[in-house]
Amino acid sequence: MAKYRMKVELVDAWQLTDEMLDAPHPSDLHIEGVLYDPMQRCAFIVRGRSGRSTRVWVGDWIIRGKDGELSKCEVDTFPRHYELVPDPAVPKYDTQAEEVRDGRK
């Protein structure tokens, strides 16, 4: 799972995909607290005891804040408020070293 940073808060974020909707239930692709409706090609974030829900369309993002609460962020809004947190376990690609190794420099 990738980490994204909102200006002052670190959150978990998933973009709803067709693959998530088509996955058999249960699936590692599914997020706890989200109901998937493959017929309508959407998902629903169910909130607490009230059972109120928010519809999420393919392409929209599901955000889990530090309090554990799930919320929706529309696809066009997400990049204005969030940035990907680099994974420290993945080394950065060094193009110069690759060029030297391949004899291109």
N, C-alpha and C. Protein backbone atom coordinates (compact mmCIF):
# COMPACT_ATOMS: atom_id res chain seq x y z
N MET A 1 0.84 -1.16 0.00
CA MET A 1 0.00 0.00 0.00
C MET A 1 0.89 1.23 0.00
N ALA A 2 0.61 2.16 -0.85
CA ALA A 2 1.38 3.39 -0.94
C ALA A 2 0.92 4.39 0.11
N LYS A 3 1.82 5.21 0.59
CA LYS A 3 1.51 6.28 1.53
C LYS A 3 1.46 7.59 0.76
N TYR A 4 0.51 8.43 1.11
CA TYR A 4 0.39 9.75 0.52
C TYR A 4 0.38 10.77 1.64
N ARG A 5 0.88 11.96 1.35
CA ARG A 5 0.96 13.01 2.36
C ARG A 5 -0.01 14.13 1.99
N MET A 6 -0.86 14.49 2.94
CA MET A 6 -1.67 15.69 2.80
C MET A 6 -0.91 16.76 3.56
N LYS A 7 -0.94 17.93 3.12
CA LYS A 7 -0.14 19.02 3.66
C LYS A 7 0.43 18.77 5.06
N VAL A 8 -0.39 18.41 6.02
CA VAL A 8 0.11 18.24 7.39
C VAL A 8 -0.16 16.87 7.96
N GLU A 9 -0.76 15.98 7.19
CA GLU A 9 -1.18 14.70 7.75
C GLU A 9 -0.79 13.55 6.82
N LEU A 10 -0.27 12.48 7.40
CA LEU A 10 0.05 11.28 6.63
C LEU A 10 -1.18 10.38 6.64
N VAL A 11 -1.63 9.94 5.44
CA VAL A 11 -2.84 9.12 5.31
C VAL A 11 -2.55 7.91 4.44
N ASP A 12 -3.38 6.87 4.58
CA ASP A 12 -3.39 5.76 3.63
C ASP A 12 -4.41 6.11 2.56
N ALA A 13 -4.11 5.77 1.30
CA ALA A 13 -5.02 6.11 0.21
C ALA A 13 -5.03 4.99 -0.82
N TRP A 14 -6.22 4.69 -1.33
CA TRP A 14 -6.41 3.70 -2.37
C TRP A 14 -7.27 4.31 -3.45
N GLN A 15 -6.89 4.12 -4.70
CA GLN A 15 -7.75 4.56 -5.79
C GLN A 15 -8.64 3.39 -6.18
N LEU A 16 -9.96 3.62 -6.23
CA LEU A 16 -10.90 2.57 -6.58
C LEU A 16 -10.70 2.18 -8.04
N THR A 17 -10.52 0.88 -8.28
CA THR A 17 -10.26 0.38 -9.63
C THR A 17 -11.29 -0.69 -10.01
N ASP A 18 -11.38 -0.95 -11.30
CA ASP A 18 -12.24 -2.04 -11.77
C ASP A 18 -11.78 -3.36 -11.17
N GLU A 19 -10.48 -3.53 -11.02
CA GLU A 19 -9.94 -4.77 -10.45
C GLU A 19 -10.47 -4.99 -9.02
N MET A 20 -10.59 -3.93 -8.24
CA MET A 20 -11.11 -4.05 -6.89
C MET A 20 -12.59 -4.46 -6.92
N LEU A 21 -13.35 -3.89 -7.86
CA LEU A 21 -14.77 -4.20 -7.96
C LEU A 21 -15.00 -5.63 -8.43
N ASP A 22 -14.12 -6.14 -9.30
CA ASP A 22 -14.29 -7.47 -9.87
C ASP A 22 -13.69 -8.58 -9.03
N ALA A 23 -12.92 -8.24 -8.01
CA ALA A 23 -12.27 -9.25 -7.16
C ALA A 23 -13.33 -10.01 -6.36
N PRO A 24 -13.18 -11.34 -6.23
CA PRO A 24 -14.12 -12.10 -5.40
C PRO A 24 -14.00 -11.67 -3.95
N HIS A 25 -15.08 -11.79 -3.23
CA HIS A 25 -15.07 -11.37 -1.83
C HIS A 25 -14.87 -12.59 -0.92
N PRO A 26 -14.02 -12.57 0.05
CA PRO A 26 -13.12 -11.48 0.42
C PRO A 26 -11.87 -11.47 -0.46
N SER A 27 -11.20 -10.33 -0.50
CA SER A 27 -10.00 -10.18 -1.31
C SER A 27 -9.02 -9.25 -0.61
N ASP A 28 -7.73 -9.47 -0.84
CA ASP A 28 -6.70 -8.58 -0.30
C ASP A 28 -6.83 -7.18 -0.89
N LEU A 29 -7.52 -7.07 -2.04
CA LEU A 29 -7.70 -5.77 -2.67
C LEU A 29 -8.77 -4.93 -1.97
N HIS A 30 -9.62 -5.56 -1.18
CA HIS A 30 -10.72 -4.86 -0.54
C HIS A 30 -10.27 -4.16 0.74
N ILE A 31 -10.93 -3.04 1.02
CA ILE A 31 -10.63 -2.23 2.19
C ILE A 31 -11.72 -2.47 3.22
N GLU A 32 -11.33 -2.73 4.45
CA GLU A 32 -12.30 -2.93 5.52
C GLU A 32 -13.13 -1.66 5.70
N GLY A 33 -14.45 -1.82 5.79
CA GLY A 33 -15.34 -0.68 5.95
C GLY A 33 -15.90 -0.15 4.64
N VAL A 34 -15.55 -0.83 3.54
CA VAL A 34 -16.04 -0.41 2.22
C VAL A 34 -16.84 -1.57 1.62
N LEU A 35 -18.04 -1.26 1.13
CA LEU A 35 -18.88 -2.24 0.43
C LEU A 35 -18.73 -2.04 -1.06
N TYR A 36 -18.55 -3.12 -1.80
CA TYR A 36 -18.31 -3.05 -3.24
C TYR A 36 -19.55 -3.49 -4.00
N ASP A 37 -19.92 -2.72 -5.03
CA ASP A 37 -21.08 -3.03 -5.86
C ASP A 37 -20.63 -3.14 -7.32
N PRO A 38 -20.22 -4.35 -7.73
CA PRO A 38 -19.71 -4.51 -9.10
C PRO A 38 -20.78 -4.26 -10.17
N MET A 39 -22.05 -4.42 -9.84
CA MET A 39 -23.11 -4.17 -10.82
C MET A 39 -23.22 -2.68 -11.15
N GLN A 40 -23.12 -1.82 -10.14
CA GLN A 40 -23.21 -0.37 -10.36
C GLN A 40 -21.84 0.26 -10.61
N ARG A 41 -20.77 -0.56 -10.53
CA ARG A 41 -19.39 -0.11 -10.74
C ARG A 41 -19.00 1.00 -9.77
N CYS A 42 -19.33 0.78 -8.49
CA CYS A 42 -18.97 1.74 -7.46
C CYS A 42 -18.79 1.01 -6.14
N ALA A 43 -18.40 1.76 -5.13
CA ALA A 43 -18.27 1.22 -3.78
C ALA A 43 -18.91 2.22 -2.83
N PHE A 44 -19.15 1.77 -1.60
CA PHE A 44 -19.76 2.63 -0.59
C PHE A 44 -18.94 2.58 0.68
N ILE A 45 -18.61 3.76 1.21
CA ILE A 45 -17.98 3.86 2.52
C ILE A 45 -19.11 3.98 3.52
N VAL A 46 -19.23 3.01 4.42
CA VAL A 46 -20.29 3.01 5.43
C VAL A 46 -19.73 3.62 6.69
N ARG A 47 -20.47 4.55 7.25
CA ARG A 47 -19.99 5.28 8.43
C ARG A 47 -20.77 4.90 9.69
N GLY A 48 -20.08 4.28 10.62
CA GLY A 48 -20.58 4.05 11.97
C GLY A 48 -21.96 3.47 12.11
N ARG A 49 -22.54 3.71 13.25
CA ARG A 49 -23.84 3.14 13.60
C ARG A 49 -24.97 3.67 12.75
N SER A 50 -24.85 4.89 12.28
CA SER A 50 -25.94 5.49 11.50
C SER A 50 -26.14 4.77 10.17
N GLY A 51 -25.07 4.12 9.67
CA GLY A 51 -25.17 3.41 8.41
C GLY A 51 -25.17 4.32 7.21
N ARG A 52 -24.97 5.62 7.42
CA ARG A 52 -24.89 6.54 6.29
C ARG A 52 -23.69 6.15 5.44
N SER A 53 -23.85 6.32 4.14
CA SER A 53 -22.77 5.89 3.26
C SER A 53 -22.44 6.97 2.23
N THR A 54 -21.24 6.86 1.70
CA THR A 54 -20.76 7.75 0.64
C THR A 54 -20.41 6.89 -0.55
N ARG A 55 -20.93 7.24 -1.73
CA ARG A 55 -20.65 6.49 -2.95
C ARG A 55 -19.29 6.92 -3.50
N VAL A 56 -18.49 5.93 -3.90
CA VAL A 56 -17.17 6.16 -4.49
C VAL A 56 -17.17 5.53 -5.87
N TRP A 57 -16.83 6.30 -6.88
CA TRP A 57 -16.79 5.81 -8.26
C TRP A 57 -15.38 5.37 -8.63
N VAL A 58 -15.27 4.53 -9.64
CA VAL A 58 -13.96 4.11 -10.14
C VAL A 58 -13.15 5.35 -10.48
N GLY A 59 -11.92 5.39 -10.01
CA GLY A 59 -11.04 6.54 -10.22
C GLY A 59 -10.95 7.43 -8.99
N ASP A 60 -12.03 7.48 -8.18
CA ASP A 60 -11.99 8.27 -6.95
C ASP A 60 -11.06 7.58 -5.94
N TRP A 61 -10.67 8.32 -4.93
CA TRP A 61 -9.76 7.82 -3.90
C TRP A 61 -10.48 7.62 -2.59
N ILE A 62 -10.10 6.57 -1.86
CA ILE A 62 -10.58 6.31 -0.51
C ILE A 62 -9.42 6.62 0.43
N ILE A 63 -9.66 7.51 1.37
CA ILE A 63 -8.63 7.99 2.28
C ILE A 63 -8.93 7.47 3.68
N ARG A 64 -7.91 6.97 4.37
CA ARG A 64 -8.04 6.63 5.79
C ARG A 64 -7.15 7.60 6.56
N GLY A 65 -7.77 8.46 7.35
CA GLY A 65 -7.03 9.43 8.16
C GLY A 65 -6.42 8.79 9.38
N LYS A 66 -5.67 9.57 10.14
CA LYS A 66 -4.99 9.02 11.32
C LYS A 66 -5.96 8.55 12.39
N ASP A 67 -7.21 9.04 12.35
CA ASP A 67 -8.21 8.58 13.31
C ASP A 67 -8.89 7.29 12.86
N GLY A 68 -8.51 6.78 11.66
CA GLY A 68 -9.08 5.54 11.14
C GLY A 68 -10.33 5.73 10.32
N GLU A 69 -10.85 6.95 10.28
CA GLU A 69 -12.08 7.26 9.54
C GLU A 69 -11.80 7.24 8.03
N LEU A 70 -12.70 6.60 7.28
CA LEU A 70 -12.59 6.56 5.82
C LEU A 70 -13.36 7.73 5.22
N SER A 71 -12.83 8.30 4.15
CA SER A 71 -13.52 9.35 3.43
C SER A 71 -13.20 9.24 1.95
N LYS A 72 -13.97 9.96 1.15
CA LYS A 72 -13.81 9.95 -0.31
C LYS A 72 -13.09 11.22 -0.74
N CYS A 73 -12.25 11.09 -1.76
CA CYS A 73 -11.64 12.24 -2.41
C CYS A 73 -11.78 12.01 -3.92
N GLU A 74 -12.41 12.96 -4.61
CA GLU A 74 -12.64 12.79 -6.03
C GLU A 74 -11.32 12.83 -6.79
N VAL A 75 -11.31 12.14 -7.92
CA VAL A 75 -10.08 11.94 -8.69
C VAL A 75 -9.40 13.26 -9.07
N ASP A 76 -10.16 14.29 -9.42
CA ASP A 76 -9.54 15.55 -9.84
C ASP A 76 -9.07 16.39 -8.65
N THR A 77 -9.57 16.13 -7.46
CA THR A 77 -9.18 16.87 -6.26
C THR A 77 -7.93 16.27 -5.61
N PHE A 78 -7.77 14.97 -5.69
CA PHE A 78 -6.70 14.26 -4.99
C PHE A 78 -5.31 14.86 -5.23
N PRO A 79 -4.87 15.06 -6.49
CA PRO A 79 -3.50 15.54 -6.68
C PRO A 79 -3.25 16.97 -6.19
N ARG A 80 -4.31 17.74 -5.98
CA ARG A 80 -4.13 19.11 -5.45
C ARG A 80 -3.84 19.10 -3.96
N HIS A 81 -4.23 18.04 -3.26
CA HIS A 81 -4.11 18.00 -1.81
C HIS A 81 -3.13 16.95 -1.28
N TYR A 82 -2.77 15.98 -2.09
CA TYR A 82 -1.94 14.87 -1.63
C TYR A 82 -0.74 14.68 -2.54
N GLU A 83 0.34 14.21 -1.94
CA GLU A 83 1.54 13.83 -2.70
C GLU A 83 2.01 12.49 -2.19
N LEU A 84 2.58 11.70 -3.09
CA LEU A 84 3.07 10.37 -2.74
C LEU A 84 4.27 10.49 -1.81
N VAL A 85 4.26 9.69 -0.76
CA VAL A 85 5.40 9.62 0.16
C VAL A 85 6.34 8.56 -0.40
N PRO A 86 7.58 8.92 -0.71
CA PRO A 86 8.51 7.92 -1.25
C PRO A 86 8.72 6.76 -0.29
N ASP A 87 8.78 5.56 -0.83
CA ASP A 87 9.01 4.35 -0.03
C ASP A 87 10.51 4.23 0.21
N PRO A 88 10.97 4.31 1.46
CA PRO A 88 12.40 4.24 1.72
C PRO A 88 13.00 2.88 1.39
N ALA A 89 12.16 1.86 1.26
CA ALA A 89 12.66 0.52 0.95
C ALA A 89 12.98 0.37 -0.53
N VAL A 90 12.50 1.27 -1.36
CA VAL A 90 12.74 1.19 -2.80
C VAL A 90 13.86 2.16 -3.16
N PRO A 91 15.02 1.63 -3.60
CA PRO A 91 16.13 2.53 -3.93
C PRO A 91 15.80 3.39 -5.14
N LYS A 92 16.30 4.61 -5.11
CA LYS A 92 16.10 5.50 -6.26
C LYS A 92 16.92 5.00 -7.43
N TYR A 93 16.40 5.15 -8.62
CA TYR A 93 17.08 4.70 -9.82
C TYR A 93 18.18 5.69 -10.17
N ASP A 94 19.38 5.23 -10.29
CA ASP A 94 20.53 6.07 -10.60
C ASP A 94 20.85 5.92 -12.08
N THR A 95 20.41 6.90 -12.88
CA THR A 95 20.58 6.80 -14.33
C THR A 95 22.05 6.89 -14.73
N GLN A 96 22.84 7.69 -14.01
CA GLN A 96 24.26 7.79 -14.35
C GLN A 96 24.97 6.46 -14.14
N ALA A 97 24.72 5.79 -13.03
CA ALA A 97 25.35 4.51 -12.76
C ALA A 97 24.93 3.50 -13.82
N GLU A 98 23.67 3.52 -14.23
CA GLU A 98 23.17 2.60 -15.25
C GLU A 98 23.86 2.86 -16.59
N GLU A 99 24.05 4.14 -16.94
CA GLU A 99 24.71 4.48 -18.20
C GLU A 99 26.17 4.03 -18.19
N VAL A 100 26.86 4.21 -17.06
CA VAL A 100 28.26 3.79 -16.95
C VAL A 100 28.36 2.27 -17.05
N ARG A 101 27.47 1.57 -16.36
CA ARG A 101 27.48 0.11 -16.36
C ARG A 101 27.22 -0.41 -17.77
N ASP A 102 26.36 0.24 -18.53
CA ASP A 102 26.02 -0.20 -19.89
C ASP A 102 27.01 0.31 -20.93
N GLY A 103 28.04 1.07 -20.51
CA GLY A 103 29.03 1.58 -21.47
C GLY A 103 28.51 2.74 -22.29
N ARG A 104 27.47 3.41 -21.84
CA ARG A 104 26.93 4.55 -22.61
C ARG A 104 27.62 5.84 -22.26
N LYS A 105 28.49 5.84 -21.25
CA LYS A 105 29.21 7.08 -20.88
C LYS A 105 30.68 6.81 -20.86
